[in-house]
């Protein structure tokens, strides 16, 4: 592995309430110069809550457990946001941390480990799992939760098979691939002091499983499915966006939008026209700079237009997204709509003809 990749996907209706605040990488390979080991982080605001997502690759081998724990602490320590209006990562409402953490199963011999896996007695191995042991001793690590390991160890397999390592090294199986999470600690108050009601923000694990059908790697991938329940701290988007009237392929299209009083607008803001199902901000089929094509504006409402020559001749469903240059995020999105094809008119012989 020569690097780390972290991708975040969201349903389009959530986009106006997701703001990416910072991205950061912390290489730890080759004394901090090589990114084959380390961590990558995305810090974002989700409906007003601070969320950090970290993907990591920690040092391998049984004997390097102390080094793994040092790198874990170092990656966490390096997630500082100096010069940005972002709290310390330990004050974030949620941290989700996952990756190839490389923790191994100590003491037990290869035969015992494999027989326990064969009989699905995974609980017999938990007490010697290095991460589980470390959590009992490390107060900070103990704050990270994990689901029960009810699936076979995910390393090391012969490639293109479900057989554990049959090479000369015969590495002992281990749960190297893990998903952890940490919710923000609530401030402690004395028994005589009424505790202020905390915003509702809870995370519950629905499933934590490995997927044995994938054989391209010597690891098996692990997925976690969660339910996140929250009371939004922000419920009104910075931009309210709507197409005006019925859009057709014959005329320029008018877009109206309004902004909240605290929205930091920029001449480099733009509105994109997208097919429903967009996967990236650059997937637009057309766009317009909000200042270049402005028709009218006042304190409450702005209007811009998209030239008819930039309107696609297709009857797919579309939506509009307002991209903020200052916030580097989509801050407004319209409801889906259709662009109507050119109207047909009857000719004297009763046959429909396209209007020009």
Protein backbone atom coordinates (compact mmCIF):
# COMPACT_ATOMS: atom_id res chain seq x y z
CA UNK A 1 0.00 0.00 0.00
CA UNK A 2 1.44 3.36 -1.04
CA UNK A 3 -1.19 5.73 0.32
CA UNK A 4 -4.56 6.21 1.98
CA UNK A 5 -7.87 7.24 0.42
CA UNK A 6 -10.92 8.58 2.24
CA UNK A 7 -14.20 9.22 0.39
CA UNK A 8 -17.44 10.57 1.88
CA UNK A 9 -20.78 10.12 0.12
CA UNK A 10 -24.09 11.74 1.07
CA UNK A 11 -27.64 11.83 -0.23
CA UNK A 12 -28.15 15.06 -2.14
CA UNK A 13 -30.86 16.37 0.19
CA UNK A 14 -28.28 16.57 3.01
CA UNK A 15 -25.71 18.56 1.00
CA UNK A 16 -26.77 22.06 2.15
CA UNK A 17 -26.22 20.96 5.75
CA UNK A 18 -22.77 19.41 5.24
CA UNK A 19 -19.80 21.74 5.24
CA UNK A 20 -16.28 20.36 4.80
CA UNK A 21 -14.12 22.42 7.14
CA UNK A 22 -10.73 20.78 6.78
CA UNK A 23 -8.87 17.84 5.27
CA UNK A 24 -5.57 16.68 6.69
CA UNK A 25 -3.02 13.91 6.19
CA UNK A 26 -0.51 12.64 8.76
CA UNK A 27 2.18 10.41 7.22
CA UNK A 28 4.03 8.19 9.70
CA UNK A 29 5.92 5.86 7.35
CA UNK A 30 9.70 6.33 6.99
CA UNK A 31 9.88 8.65 10.02
CA UNK A 32 6.95 10.73 8.80
CA UNK A 33 8.07 11.21 5.19
CA UNK A 34 6.13 8.40 3.51
CA UNK A 35 2.36 8.06 3.35
CA UNK A 36 2.17 4.27 3.22
CA UNK A 37 1.43 4.48 6.96
CA UNK A 38 -0.42 7.19 8.84
CA UNK A 39 -3.86 8.74 8.77
CA UNK A 40 -6.11 10.98 6.68
CA UNK A 41 -8.92 13.04 8.16
CA UNK A 42 -11.99 14.91 6.95
CA UNK A 43 -13.49 17.36 9.42
CA UNK A 44 -16.99 18.52 8.59
CA UNK A 45 -20.05 20.15 10.03
CA UNK A 46 -23.21 18.06 9.82
CA UNK A 47 -26.40 19.97 10.65
CA UNK A 48 -24.28 22.15 12.94
CA UNK A 49 -22.42 19.29 14.68
CA UNK A 50 -18.67 18.72 14.35
CA UNK A 51 -17.76 15.32 12.89
CA UNK A 52 -14.29 13.95 12.14
CA UNK A 53 -13.70 10.88 9.98
CA UNK A 54 -10.26 9.25 10.06
CA UNK A 55 -8.83 6.46 7.92
CA UNK A 56 -5.50 5.00 9.08
CA UNK A 57 -2.86 2.38 8.38
CA UNK A 58 -0.78 1.54 11.46
CA UNK A 59 2.56 -0.35 11.69
CA UNK A 60 2.40 -4.14 11.13
CA UNK A 61 3.84 -7.18 12.95
CA UNK A 62 3.14 -8.68 16.35
CA UNK A 63 6.05 -7.02 18.16
CA UNK A 64 5.16 -3.46 17.10
CA UNK A 65 2.12 -2.98 19.33
CA UNK A 66 3.67 -0.09 21.28
CA UNK A 67 4.52 1.62 18.00
CA UNK A 68 0.94 1.19 16.80
CA UNK A 69 -0.36 2.88 19.94
CA UNK A 70 2.18 5.69 19.55
CA UNK A 71 1.07 6.29 15.96
CA UNK A 72 -2.57 6.23 17.04
CA UNK A 73 -1.86 8.99 19.58
CA UNK A 74 0.31 10.92 17.11
CA UNK A 75 -2.34 10.92 14.37
CA UNK A 76 -4.90 12.17 16.90
CA UNK A 77 -2.54 14.85 18.20
CA UNK A 78 -1.82 16.12 14.69
CA UNK A 79 -5.49 16.80 13.97
CA UNK A 80 -5.15 20.43 15.04
CA UNK A 81 -6.92 23.25 13.28
CA UNK A 82 -4.77 26.29 14.04
CA UNK A 83 -6.03 29.45 12.39
CA UNK A 84 -9.45 27.91 11.79
CA UNK A 85 -12.59 28.37 13.85
CA UNK A 86 -12.75 24.65 14.64
CA UNK A 87 -12.61 23.16 18.16
CA UNK A 88 -10.07 20.55 19.21
CA UNK A 89 -10.84 17.16 17.71
CA UNK A 90 -11.58 15.72 21.16
CA UNK A 91 -14.36 18.31 21.45
CA UNK A 92 -15.99 17.16 18.23
CA UNK A 93 -19.41 15.61 18.60
CA UNK A 94 -18.36 12.46 16.77
CA UNK A 95 -15.11 10.83 15.67
CA UNK A 96 -15.30 7.80 13.38
CA UNK A 97 -11.92 6.06 13.08
CA UNK A 98 -11.27 3.03 10.91
CA UNK A 99 -8.65 1.32 8.79
CA UNK A 100 -5.96 -1.34 8.83
CA UNK A 101 -4.92 -0.91 12.45
CA UNK A 102 -2.78 -4.06 12.35
CA UNK A 103 -3.49 -5.16 15.94
CA UNK A 104 -2.73 -8.86 16.45
CA UNK A 105 -3.71 -11.75 18.73
CA UNK A 106 -1.03 -12.36 21.35
CA UNK A 107 0.09 -15.51 23.22
CA UNK A 108 -2.28 -18.04 21.66
CA UNK A 109 -0.63 -20.42 19.23
CA UNK A 110 -1.48 -20.73 15.55
CA UNK A 111 -3.30 -24.05 16.00
CA UNK A 112 -5.52 -22.75 18.83
CA UNK A 113 -6.40 -19.60 16.89
CA UNK A 114 -7.32 -21.49 13.74
CA UNK A 115 -9.37 -24.08 15.64
CA UNK A 116 -11.24 -21.30 17.47
CA UNK A 117 -12.03 -19.69 14.11
CA UNK A 118 -13.08 -23.02 12.60
CA UNK A 119 -15.52 -23.63 15.46
CA UNK A 120 -16.62 -19.94 15.40
CA UNK A 121 -15.56 -19.51 19.05
CA UNK A 122 -14.35 -15.97 18.40
CA UNK A 123 -14.92 -14.95 22.01
CA UNK A 124 -12.06 -17.25 23.07
CA UNK A 125 -9.66 -14.94 21.21
CA UNK A 126 -10.91 -11.54 22.38
CA UNK A 127 -8.93 -11.47 25.64
CA UNK A 128 -5.64 -11.57 23.71
CA UNK A 129 -6.62 -9.12 20.98
CA UNK A 130 -4.09 -6.30 21.32
CA UNK A 131 -6.60 -3.50 20.75
CA UNK A 132 -9.02 -4.92 23.33
CA UNK A 133 -6.17 -5.25 25.85
CA UNK A 134 -4.91 -1.70 25.16
CA UNK A 135 -8.38 -0.22 25.71
CA UNK A 136 -8.37 -1.55 29.27
CA UNK A 137 -5.19 0.41 30.07
CA UNK A 138 -5.41 3.56 27.93
CA UNK A 139 -8.04 6.07 29.21
CA UNK A 140 -8.31 7.88 25.86
CA UNK A 141 -8.47 4.73 23.77
CA UNK A 142 -11.14 3.43 26.15
CA UNK A 143 -13.41 6.28 25.04
CA UNK A 144 -13.55 4.78 21.54
CA UNK A 145 -16.29 2.20 21.13
CA UNK A 146 -16.36 -0.82 18.86
CA UNK A 147 -18.92 -3.44 17.98
CA UNK A 148 -18.44 -7.08 19.03
CA UNK A 149 -16.03 -9.10 16.88
CA UNK A 150 -18.53 -11.71 15.74
CA UNK A 151 -16.82 -12.36 12.41
CA UNK A 152 -13.62 -14.26 11.54
CA UNK A 153 -10.28 -12.45 11.79
CA UNK A 154 -9.76 -10.53 8.57
CA UNK A 155 -6.02 -11.14 8.04
CA UNK A 156 -3.97 -12.83 6.60
CA UNK A 157 -5.45 -14.74 3.64
CA UNK A 158 -3.95 -16.25 0.53
CA UNK A 159 -4.99 -14.00 -2.32
CA UNK A 160 -7.91 -15.18 -4.45
CA UNK A 161 -9.05 -17.58 -1.73
CA UNK A 162 -10.65 -17.85 1.71
CA UNK A 163 -7.68 -19.77 3.12
CA UNK A 164 -5.60 -18.27 5.87
CA UNK A 165 -1.89 -17.81 5.12
CA UNK A 166 -0.33 -21.04 3.79
CA UNK A 167 3.04 -19.47 2.96
CA UNK A 168 6.20 -20.37 4.84
CA UNK A 169 5.53 -17.54 7.31
CA UNK A 170 2.04 -18.89 8.18
CA UNK A 171 1.03 -15.65 9.86
CA UNK A 172 -1.42 -16.00 12.70
CA UNK A 173 -4.92 -14.69 11.84
CA UNK A 174 -5.91 -11.39 13.46
CA UNK A 175 -8.60 -8.71 13.45
CA UNK A 176 -6.44 -6.05 11.82
CA UNK A 177 -9.27 -4.12 10.15
CA UNK A 178 -11.38 -2.21 12.65
CA UNK A 179 -14.05 0.49 12.95
CA UNK A 180 -14.15 2.64 16.10
CA UNK A 181 -16.20 5.64 17.12
CA UNK A 182 -16.22 8.18 19.92
CA UNK A 183 -19.03 10.49 21.00
CA UNK A 184 -18.22 13.77 22.71
CA UNK A 185 -18.06 13.62 26.48
CA UNK A 186 -20.79 15.58 28.20
CA UNK A 187 -19.52 18.18 30.71
CA UNK A 188 -19.71 16.98 34.30
CA UNK A 189 -21.85 19.03 36.64
CA UNK A 190 -22.22 18.79 40.40
CA UNK A 191 -25.27 17.11 41.86
CA UNK A 192 -26.65 20.47 43.01
CA UNK A 193 -26.22 22.13 39.64
CA UNK A 194 -28.92 21.45 37.08
CA UNK A 195 -27.39 20.06 33.91
CA UNK A 196 -28.34 22.02 30.77
CA UNK A 197 -30.25 19.93 28.26
CA UNK A 198 -27.82 18.61 25.65
CA UNK A 199 -28.79 18.61 21.97
CA UNK A 200 -29.97 15.20 20.86
CA UNK A 201 -27.10 13.42 19.09
CA UNK A 202 -26.76 9.65 19.31
CA UNK A 203 -25.10 6.91 17.29
CA UNK A 204 -26.06 3.25 17.40
CA UNK A 205 -24.41 0.35 15.61
CA UNK A 206 -26.70 -1.69 13.40
CA UNK A 207 -24.18 -4.16 11.96
CA UNK A 208 -20.44 -4.85 12.08
CA UNK A 209 -19.39 -7.56 9.63
CA UNK A 210 -16.64 -8.78 7.35
CA UNK A 211 -17.18 -9.82 3.74
CA UNK A 212 -15.55 -13.12 2.90
CA UNK A 213 -16.56 -13.09 -0.77
CA UNK A 214 -13.84 -10.56 -1.66
CA UNK A 215 -10.55 -12.30 -2.42
CA UNK A 216 -8.49 -9.67 -4.27
CA UNK A 217 -6.51 -8.82 -1.12
CA UNK A 218 -4.89 -10.68 1.77
CA UNK A 219 -7.38 -8.80 3.99
CA UNK A 220 -11.16 -9.15 4.10
CA UNK A 221 -13.06 -5.84 4.07
CA UNK A 222 -15.12 -4.82 7.10
CA UNK A 223 -18.21 -2.62 7.09
CA UNK A 224 -20.14 -0.94 9.86
CA UNK A 225 -23.70 0.32 9.49
CA UNK A 226 -24.89 2.95 11.96
CA UNK A 227 -28.04 4.85 12.81
CA UNK A 228 -27.33 8.51 13.59
CA UNK A 229 -30.12 10.39 15.31
CA UNK A 230 -29.77 14.11 15.86
CA UNK A 231 -31.73 17.24 16.53
CA UNK A 232 -30.46 19.67 13.88
CA UNK A 233 -28.69 22.74 15.20
CA UNK A 234 -29.09 24.17 11.70
CA UNK A 235 -32.37 23.48 9.91
CA UNK A 236 -32.52 26.31 7.35
CA UNK A 237 -30.06 26.21 4.43
CA UNK A 238 -27.90 29.27 3.78
CA UNK A 239 -29.41 29.47 0.29
CA UNK A 240 -32.99 28.69 -0.72
CA UNK A 241 -32.99 27.87 -4.41
CA UNK A 242 -35.83 27.36 -6.89
CA UNK A 243 -36.41 27.32 -10.65
CA UNK A 244 -38.98 29.90 -11.75
CA UNK A 245 -41.97 28.75 -13.78
CA UNK A 246 -41.91 25.75 -16.07
CA UNK A 247 -38.51 25.14 -17.62
CA UNK A 248 -38.46 24.18 -21.29
CA UNK A 249 -35.81 23.59 -23.93
CA UNK A 250 -37.01 26.65 -25.85
CA UNK A 251 -36.31 29.62 -23.55
CA UNK A 252 -33.71 30.94 -21.14
CA UNK A 253 -34.31 29.57 -17.67
CA UNK A 254 -34.83 31.81 -14.66
CA UNK A 255 -33.52 30.87 -11.20
CA UNK A 256 -34.53 32.61 -7.98
CA UNK A 257 -32.64 32.30 -4.72
CA UNK A 258 -32.55 33.94 -1.32
CA UNK A 259 -29.85 33.86 1.34
CA UNK A 260 -29.72 34.07 5.11
CA UNK A 261 -28.38 37.35 6.57
CA UNK A 262 -25.11 35.72 7.68
CA UNK A 263 -24.27 34.08 4.35
CA UNK A 264 -20.75 35.11 3.14
CA UNK A 265 -21.42 35.53 -0.58
CA UNK A 266 -18.67 35.79 -3.19
CA UNK A 267 -18.52 36.89 -6.85
CA UNK A 268 -17.12 33.41 -7.50
CA UNK A 269 -20.23 31.61 -6.27
CA UNK A 270 -22.02 29.63 -8.96
CA UNK A 271 -25.17 27.61 -9.54
CA UNK A 272 -24.93 24.26 -11.28
CA UNK A 273 -27.61 22.32 -13.14
CA UNK A 274 -27.32 18.60 -12.37
CA UNK A 275 -29.03 15.38 -13.24
CA UNK A 276 -30.50 13.72 -10.15
CA UNK A 277 -27.95 11.18 -8.95
CA UNK A 278 -24.88 13.44 -9.14
CA UNK A 279 -21.74 11.93 -7.64
CA UNK A 280 -19.44 14.95 -7.58
CA UNK A 281 -19.70 18.72 -7.61
CA UNK A 282 -18.11 18.71 -11.09
CA UNK A 283 -20.88 16.53 -12.55
CA UNK A 284 -22.90 19.58 -13.66
CA UNK A 285 -24.40 19.67 -17.15
CA UNK A 286 -24.41 23.47 -17.09
CA UNK A 287 -23.59 26.26 -14.65
CA UNK A 288 -23.85 30.01 -14.24
CA UNK A 289 -21.87 32.52 -12.18
CA UNK A 290 -24.34 34.22 -9.88
CA UNK A 291 -22.98 37.72 -10.56
CA UNK A 292 -22.48 37.41 -14.33
CA UNK A 293 -26.01 36.37 -15.27
CA UNK A 294 -27.86 38.32 -12.62
CA UNK A 295 -31.25 39.66 -13.71
CA UNK A 296 -32.43 41.37 -10.54
CA UNK A 297 -31.76 41.45 -6.84
CA UNK A 298 -33.00 42.98 -3.61
CA UNK A 299 -32.53 42.31 0.08
CA UNK A 300 -34.59 39.15 -0.05
CA UNK A 301 -34.53 37.70 -3.56
CA UNK A 302 -31.98 37.33 -6.35
CA UNK A 303 -32.57 36.11 -9.89
CA UNK A 304 -30.15 34.76 -12.50
CA UNK A 305 -30.69 33.00 -15.81
CA UNK A 306 -29.20 30.10 -17.75
CA UNK A 307 -28.99 30.63 -21.49
CA UNK A 308 -31.17 28.31 -23.55
CA UNK A 309 -28.10 27.15 -25.50
CA UNK A 310 -26.77 25.58 -22.27
CA UNK A 311 -29.93 23.62 -21.53
CA UNK A 312 -29.64 19.87 -22.24
CA UNK A 313 -32.15 18.31 -24.60
CA UNK A 314 -33.12 15.41 -22.39
CA UNK A 315 -36.11 14.62 -20.22
CA UNK A 316 -34.14 13.45 -17.17
CA UNK A 317 -34.86 14.81 -13.72
CA UNK A 318 -32.66 17.73 -12.70
CA UNK A 319 -31.86 19.83 -9.68
CA UNK A 320 -29.96 23.05 -8.98
CA UNK A 321 -27.06 23.37 -6.53
CA UNK A 322 -25.59 26.62 -5.22
CA UNK A 323 -21.83 26.31 -4.57
CA UNK A 324 -20.19 28.75 -2.14
CA UNK A 325 -16.60 29.66 -2.99
CA UNK A 326 -15.92 30.91 0.55
CA UNK A 327 -17.30 27.81 2.28
CA UNK A 328 -16.17 25.32 -0.40
CA UNK A 329 -19.51 23.55 -0.07
CA UNK A 330 -22.95 23.23 -1.59
CA UNK A 331 -25.13 25.53 0.53
CA UNK A 332 -28.43 25.33 -1.32
CA UNK A 333 -30.26 22.78 -3.42
CA UNK A 334 -33.58 22.82 -5.26
CA UNK A 335 -36.25 20.16 -5.42
CA UNK A 336 -35.95 17.84 -8.44
CA UNK A 337 -37.75 18.98 -11.60
CA UNK A 338 -38.05 18.13 -15.28
CA UNK A 339 -37.18 20.27 -18.29
CA UNK A 340 -40.04 20.08 -20.74
CA UNK A 341 -39.33 19.27 -24.41
CA UNK A 342 -40.32 21.73 -27.15
CA UNK A 343 -44.07 22.03 -27.58
CA UNK A 344 -45.67 20.48 -30.66
CA UNK A 345 -48.32 22.21 -32.76
CA UNK A 346 -50.78 20.76 -35.22
CA UNK A 347 -50.26 21.38 -38.96
CA UNK A 348 -53.21 21.72 -41.37
CA UNK A 349 -53.03 17.99 -42.11
CA UNK A 350 -53.44 17.19 -38.42
CA UNK A 351 -49.85 16.07 -37.84
CA UNK A 352 -47.90 17.45 -34.90
CA UNK A 353 -44.96 19.68 -35.84
CA UNK A 354 -42.23 21.07 -33.58
CA UNK A 355 -42.36 24.79 -32.85
CA UNK A 356 -39.37 26.87 -33.94
